[in-house]
C-alpha atoms as a PDB file:
ATOM      1  CA  MET A   1      20.299 -33.653  -0.129  1.00  0.00           C
ATOM      2  CA  LYS A   2      18.930 -34.950   3.167  1.00  0.00           C
ATOM      3  CA  LYS A   3      21.830 -33.147   4.884  1.00  0.00           C
ATOM      4  CA  ILE A   4      20.304 -29.812   3.878  1.00  0.00           C
ATOM      5  CA  ILE A   5      16.540 -30.452   3.494  1.00  0.00           C
ATOM      6  CA  ILE A   6      15.830 -31.682   7.042  1.00  0.00           C
ATOM      7  CA  PRO A   7      17.822 -28.888   8.764  1.00  0.00           C
ATOM      8  CA  SER A   8      16.153 -26.334   6.486  1.00  0.00           C
ATOM      9  CA  LEU A   9      12.714 -27.711   7.313  1.00  0.00           C
ATOM     10  CA  LEU A  10      13.440 -27.628  11.065  1.00  0.00           C
ATOM     11  CA  ALA A  11      14.833 -24.095  10.833  1.00  0.00           C
ATOM     12  CA  ALA A  12      11.778 -22.997   8.826  1.00  0.00           C
ATOM     13  CA  ILE A  13       9.530 -24.315  11.608  1.00  0.00           C
ATOM     14  CA  VAL A  14      11.510 -22.359  14.223  1.00  0.00           C
ATOM     15  CA  VAL A  15      11.416 -19.215  12.045  1.00  0.00           C
ATOM     16  CA  PHE A  16       7.666 -19.616  11.516  1.00  0.00           C
ATOM     17  CA  ILE A  17       7.037 -19.934  15.258  1.00  0.00           C
ATOM     18  CA  TRP A  18       9.273 -16.954  16.089  1.00  0.00           C
ATOM     19  CA  MET A  19       7.610 -14.819  13.414  1.00  0.00           C
ATOM     20  CA  PHE A  20       4.214 -15.621  14.912  1.00  0.00           C
ATOM     21  CA  ILE A  21       5.473 -14.579  18.348  1.00  0.00           C
ATOM     22  CA  SER A  22       7.158 -11.471  16.967  1.00  0.00           C
ATOM     23  CA  TRP A  23       4.214 -10.243  14.902  1.00  0.00           C
ATOM     24  CA  ALA A  24       1.172 -11.577  16.782  1.00  0.00           C
ATOM     25  CA  LEU A  25       2.210 -11.428  20.433  1.00  0.00           C
ATOM     26  CA  LEU A  26       4.792  -8.638  20.675  1.00  0.00           C
ATOM     27  CA  PRO A  27       3.687  -5.041  20.003  1.00  0.00           C
ATOM     28  CA  TRP A  28       6.975  -3.792  18.600  1.00  0.00           C
ATOM     29  CA  HIS A  29       6.273  -4.040  14.839  1.00  0.00           C
ATOM     30  CA  TYR A  30       3.222  -1.807  15.187  1.00  0.00           C
ATOM     31  CA  THR A  31       4.863   1.054  17.084  1.00  0.00           C
ATOM     32  CA  ASP A  32       5.304   3.182  13.959  1.00  0.00           C
ATOM     33  CA  MET A  33       2.355   1.828  11.955  1.00  0.00           C
ATOM     34  CA  LYS A  34      -0.774   3.949  12.137  1.00  0.00           C
ATOM     35  CA  ASN A  35      -4.333   3.331  10.993  1.00  0.00           C
ATOM     36  CA  ILE A  36      -6.354   5.699   8.839  1.00  0.00           C
ATOM     37  CA  THR A  37      -9.631   6.097  10.716  1.00  0.00           C
ATOM     38  CA  ASP A  38     -11.030   9.149   8.924  1.00  0.00           C
ATOM     39  CA  GLN A  39     -13.800   7.802   6.668  1.00  0.00           C
ATOM     40  CA  ALA A  40     -13.900  11.077   4.685  1.00  0.00           C
ATOM     41  CA  LEU A  41     -10.234  10.577   3.795  1.00  0.00           C
ATOM     42  CA  VAL A  42     -10.947   6.984   2.751  1.00  0.00           C
ATOM     43  CA  GLU A  43     -13.807   8.199   0.536  1.00  0.00           C
ATOM     44  CA  GLN A  44     -11.528  10.855  -0.992  1.00  0.00           C
ATOM     45  CA  VAL A  45      -8.939   8.187  -1.806  1.00  0.00           C
ATOM     46  CA  LYS A  46     -11.648   5.986  -3.336  1.00  0.00           C
ATOM     47  CA  SER A  47     -12.808   8.795  -5.590  1.00  0.00           C
ATOM     48  CA  SER A  48      -9.264   9.820  -6.576  1.00  0.00           C
ATOM     49  CA  LEU A  49      -7.537   6.501  -7.187  1.00  0.00           C
ATOM     50  CA  THR A  50      -8.921   3.960  -9.636  1.00  0.00           C
ATOM     51  CA  GLU A  51      -6.104   1.469 -10.186  1.00  0.00           C
ATOM     52  CA  PRO A  52      -4.485  -0.906  -7.718  1.00  0.00           C
ATOM     53  CA  GLY A  53      -0.862  -0.115  -6.968  1.00  0.00           C
ATOM     54  CA  ILE A  54       1.670   1.373  -4.603  1.00  0.00           C
ATOM     55  CA  TYR A  55       1.061   5.085  -4.383  1.00  0.00           C
ATOM     56  CA  MET A  56       3.455   7.827  -3.348  1.00  0.00           C
ATOM     57  CA  TYR A  57       3.091  11.533  -2.817  1.00  0.00           C
ATOM     58  CA  THR A  58       4.810  13.706  -3.885  1.00  0.00           C
ATOM     59  CA  GLY A  59       5.680  11.396  -6.706  1.00  0.00           C
ATOM     60  CA  GLU A  60       8.101  12.550  -9.376  1.00  0.00           C
ATOM     61  CA  SER A  61       7.821  14.801 -12.382  1.00  0.00           C
ATOM     62  CA  ASP A  62      10.073  16.199 -15.075  1.00  0.00           C
ATOM     63  CA  ASP A  63      10.416  19.400 -13.030  1.00  0.00           C
ATOM     64  CA  MET A  64      12.775  18.294 -10.242  1.00  0.00           C
ATOM     65  CA  ASP A  65      12.656  21.701  -8.519  1.00  0.00           C
ATOM     66  CA  ALA A  66       8.853  21.547  -8.256  1.00  0.00           C
ATOM     67  CA  THR A  67       9.055  17.973  -6.977  1.00  0.00           C
ATOM     68  CA  LEU A  68      11.604  18.949  -4.324  1.00  0.00           C
ATOM     69  CA  GLN A  69       9.437  21.880  -3.204  1.00  0.00           C
ATOM     70  CA  LYS A  70       6.411  19.576  -2.803  1.00  0.00           C
ATOM     71  CA  TYR A  71       8.630  17.078  -1.011  1.00  0.00           C
ATOM     72  CA  LYS A  72       9.831  19.738   1.425  1.00  0.00           C
ATOM     73  CA  ALA A  73       6.364  21.257   2.004  1.00  0.00           C
ATOM     74  CA  GLY A  74       4.734  17.885   2.697  1.00  0.00           C
ATOM     75  CA  PRO A  75       2.862  15.840   3.292  1.00  0.00           C
ATOM     76  CA  LEU A  76       5.174  13.013   2.379  1.00  0.00           C
ATOM     77  CA  ILE A  77       3.364   9.760   1.666  1.00  0.00           C
ATOM     78  CA  HIS A  78       5.279   6.649   0.693  1.00  0.00           C
ATOM     79  CA  PHE A  79       3.964   3.161   0.127  1.00  0.00           C
ATOM     80  CA  MET A  80       0.258   3.424   0.385  1.00  0.00           C
ATOM     81  CA  VAL A  81      -0.756   0.062  -1.045  1.00  0.00           C
ATOM     82  CA  TYR A  82      -4.168   0.487  -2.612  1.00  0.00           C
ATOM     83  CA  ASN A  83      -6.646  -1.882  -4.208  1.00  0.00           C
ATOM     84  CA  PRO A  84     -10.010  -0.279  -5.025  1.00  0.00           C
ATOM     85  CA  GLN A  85     -11.706  -3.677  -5.324  1.00  0.00           C
ATOM     86  CA  GLY A  86     -10.592  -4.805  -1.859  1.00  0.00           C
ATOM     87  CA  ALA A  87      -9.276  -8.325  -1.400  1.00  0.00           C
ATOM     88  CA  GLU A  88     -10.250 -11.576   0.210  1.00  0.00           C
ATOM     89  CA  TRP A  89      -8.071 -12.354   3.203  1.00  0.00           C
ATOM     90  CA  ASP A  90      -7.030 -15.990   3.227  1.00  0.00           C
ATOM     91  CA  MET A  91      -5.081 -16.574   6.431  1.00  0.00           C
ATOM     92  CA  ALA A  92      -4.366 -20.218   5.574  1.00  0.00           C
ATOM     93  CA  MET A  93      -2.836 -19.343   2.191  1.00  0.00           C
ATOM     94  CA  SER A  94      -0.807 -16.518   3.742  1.00  0.00           C
ATOM     95  CA  MET A  95       0.529 -18.944   6.370  1.00  0.00           C
ATOM     96  CA  ILE A  96       1.419 -21.517   3.701  1.00  0.00           C
ATOM     97  CA  LYS A  97       3.239 -18.896   1.602  1.00  0.00           C
ATOM     98  CA  SER A  98       5.003 -17.590   4.712  1.00  0.00           C
ATOM     99  CA  PHE A  99       6.226 -21.068   5.606  1.00  0.00           C
ATOM    100  CA  LEU A 100       7.412 -21.649   2.040  1.00  0.00           C
ATOM    101  CA  ILE A 101       9.335 -18.354   2.114  1.00  0.00           C
ATOM    102  CA  ASN A 102      10.841 -19.374   5.479  1.00  0.00           C
ATOM    103  CA  PHE A 103      11.861 -22.750   4.080  1.00  0.00           C
ATOM    104  CA  ILE A 104      13.509 -21.253   0.994  1.00  0.00           C
ATOM    105  CA  SER A 105      15.330 -18.710   3.182  1.00  0.00           C
ATOM    106  CA  ALA A 106      16.472 -21.441   5.586  1.00  0.00           C
ATOM    107  CA  PHE A 107      17.604 -23.561   2.633  1.00  0.00           C
ATOM    108  CA  ILE A 108      19.730 -20.683   1.319  1.00  0.00           C
ATOM    109  CA  ALA A 109      21.186 -20.089   4.794  1.00  0.00           C
ATOM    110  CA  ALA A 110      21.918 -23.821   5.124  1.00  0.00           C
ATOM    111  CA  ALA A 111      23.612 -23.919   1.719  1.00  0.00           C
ATOM    112  CA  LEU A 112      25.792 -20.941   2.632  1.00  0.00           C
ATOM    113  CA  LEU A 113      26.580 -22.487   6.001  1.00  0.00           C
ATOM    114  CA  MET A 114      27.643 -25.715   4.318  1.00  0.00           C
ATOM    115  CA  MET A 115      30.100 -23.707   2.222  1.00  0.00           C
ATOM    116  CA  THR A 116      31.874 -22.615   5.417  1.00  0.00           C
ATOM    117  CA  LEU A 117      32.374 -26.127   6.792  1.00  0.00           C
ATOM    118  CA  ALA A 118      35.834 -26.538   5.254  1.00  0.00           C
ATOM    119  CA  GLN A 119      37.029 -23.977   7.827  1.00  0.00           C
ATOM    120  CA  ASN A 120      35.813 -26.308  10.589  1.00  0.00           C
ATOM    121  CA  PRO A 121      33.811 -23.630  12.435  1.00  0.00           C
ATOM    122  CA  GLY A 122      32.574 -24.357  15.951  1.00  0.00           C
ATOM    123  CA  PHE A 123      28.902 -24.414  16.908  1.00  0.00           C
ATOM    124  CA  MET A 124      28.601 -20.741  17.965  1.00  0.00           C
ATOM    125  CA  ARG A 125      30.548 -19.577  14.937  1.00  0.00           C
ATOM    126  CA  ARG A 126      28.046 -21.401  12.714  1.00  0.00           C
ATOM    127  CA  VAL A 127      25.145 -19.870  14.656  1.00  0.00           C
ATOM    128  CA  ILE A 128      26.611 -16.366  14.363  1.00  0.00           C
ATOM    129  CA  PHE A 129      27.252 -16.883  10.657  1.00  0.00           C
ATOM    130  CA  VAL A 130      23.543 -17.547  10.096  1.00  0.00           C
ATOM    131  CA  MET A 131      22.553 -14.659  12.393  1.00  0.00           C
ATOM    132  CA  LEU A 132      24.788 -12.342  10.354  1.00  0.00           C
ATOM    133  CA  LEU A 133      22.753 -13.307   7.290  1.00  0.00           C
ATOM    134  CA  GLY A 134      19.763 -11.818   9.130  1.00  0.00           C
ATOM    135  CA  LEU A 135      21.759  -8.671   9.893  1.00  0.00           C
ATOM    136  CA  PHE A 136      22.779  -8.467   6.223  1.00  0.00           C
ATOM    137  CA  ALA A 137      19.127  -8.809   5.175  1.00  0.00           C
ATOM    138  CA  GLY A 138      18.216  -6.032   7.597  1.00  0.00           C
ATOM    139  CA  PHE A 139      20.706  -3.630   6.122  1.00  0.00           C
ATOM    140  CA  ILE A 140      19.752  -4.339   2.509  1.00  0.00           C
ATOM    141  CA  GLY A 141      16.031  -4.322   3.368  1.00  0.00           C
ATOM    142  CA  PRO A 142      14.653  -2.168   6.187  1.00  0.00           C
ATOM    143  CA  PHE A 143      17.577   0.260   6.335  1.00  0.00           C
ATOM    144  CA  VAL A 144      17.670   0.824   2.581  1.00  0.00           C
ATOM    145  CA  GLU A 145      13.928   1.533   2.662  1.00  0.00           C
ATOM    146  CA  TRP A 146      14.367   3.848   5.680  1.00  0.00           C
ATOM    147  CA  ASN A 147      17.059   5.778   3.831  1.00  0.00           C
ATOM    148  CA  TRP A 148      15.041   6.349   0.676  1.00  0.00           C
ATOM    149  CA  PHE A 149      11.476   6.480   1.957  1.00  0.00           C
ATOM    150  CA  HIS A 150      11.918   8.225   5.311  1.00  0.00           C
ATOM    151  CA  PHE A 151      10.308   5.572   7.473  1.00  0.00           C
ATOM    152  CA  PRO A 152      10.304   6.403  11.183  1.00  0.00           C
ATOM    153  CA  PHE A 153      13.663   5.200  12.537  1.00  0.00           C
ATOM    154  CA  GLY A 154      12.053   2.710  14.919  1.00  0.00           C
ATOM    155  CA  TYR A 155      10.687   0.707  11.985  1.00  0.00           C
ATOM    156  CA  PRO A 156      14.056  -0.413  10.558  1.00  0.00           C
ATOM    157  CA  ILE A 157      15.540  -0.866  14.037  1.00  0.00           C
ATOM    158  CA  VAL A 158      12.775  -3.290  15.003  1.00  0.00           C
ATOM    159  CA  GLY A 159      13.043  -4.973  11.612  1.00  0.00           C
ATOM    160  CA  VAL A 160      16.798  -5.527  11.925  1.00  0.00           C
ATOM    161  CA  ILE A 161      16.593  -6.722  15.532  1.00  0.00           C
ATOM    162  CA  ASP A 162      13.797  -9.089  14.574  1.00  0.00           C
ATOM    163  CA  LEU A 163      15.791 -10.462  11.633  1.00  0.00           C
ATOM    164  CA  CYS A 164      18.817 -11.005  13.877  1.00  0.00           C
ATOM    165  CA  ILE A 165      16.706 -12.875  16.453  1.00  0.00           C
ATOM    166  CA  THR A 166      14.964 -14.865  13.717  1.00  0.00           C
ATOM    167  CA  TRP A 167      18.181 -16.004  12.097  1.00  0.00           C
ATOM    168  CA  PHE A 168      19.962 -16.534  15.417  1.00  0.00           C
ATOM    169  CA  LEU A 169      17.218 -19.032  16.296  1.00  0.00           C
ATOM    170  CA  ALA A 170      17.404 -20.580  12.830  1.00  0.00           C
ATOM    171  CA  GLY A 171      21.195 -20.647  13.214  1.00  0.00           C
ATOM    172  CA  LEU A 172      20.870 -22.698  16.404  1.00  0.00           C
ATOM    173  CA  VAL A 173      18.967 -25.338  14.475  1.00  0.00           C
ATOM    174  CA  LEU A 174      21.166 -25.245  11.386  1.00  0.00           C
ATOM    175  CA  ALA A 175      24.395 -25.324  13.409  1.00  0.00           C
ATOM    176  CA  TRP A 176      23.052 -28.255  15.429  1.00  0.00           C
ATOM    177  CA  LYS A 177      22.271 -30.257  12.266  1.00  0.00           C
ATOM    178  CA  ILE A 178      24.979 -29.037   9.854  1.00  0.00           C
ATOM    179  CA  LYS A 179      28.417 -29.841  11.186  1.00  0.00           C
ATOM    180  CA  PRO A 180      31.945 -30.040   9.755  1.00  0.00           C
END
C-alpha cells in the first residue's frame, strides 16, 4: 500500500500547487466567465426564484417546438447556480476538500499506472500515460458540457489544457515513484 499512497500524496501536493497557480495567478480560466453587475437584474432573480438549484433558460417543456423556438430566440442561460439564502464561504474547508479530491484522483491515476507496469514502460511513457488521463477527463468533462450547454469555446479549451498540464505534472511525480 505504501507503494501507492506516498506517490499519490506527493502527486496530490503537486496538483494542489498547480491548481492554485492556474486558478489564482493565471487569468485564463476567467476569460469567458462574466459577472452580473446589474443590481436590478439581481433583484429580479431574487423575486422570481425561491429555491436553491441550478437554473436554465429556456428549460424544457412537453412542447418541443415551443422549447426550440425559445432556444433559438434567446437568451440562452445554462447553469446559473442559485441559492437565495446565500452561503458562508469557508476557504479552509474548500482547500481541504480540494486536496482530498486531488489525492483521490492521484490515487486512481497511480492505481491505473501500476496496472501498466507489466509492459515495462519507460519514465516518459508513464508520464504521458498519466497526462492522457487528464486529456480523457477533459473530453468527458469540459467538452461534453461545451457540446450540450453551448459554453464559449475558450472555456473547454482552457479546461482541457489545464487538465493536461495538471496530470503531466502529477505524472512526473507518479512515474518517478512508481516504476516497473
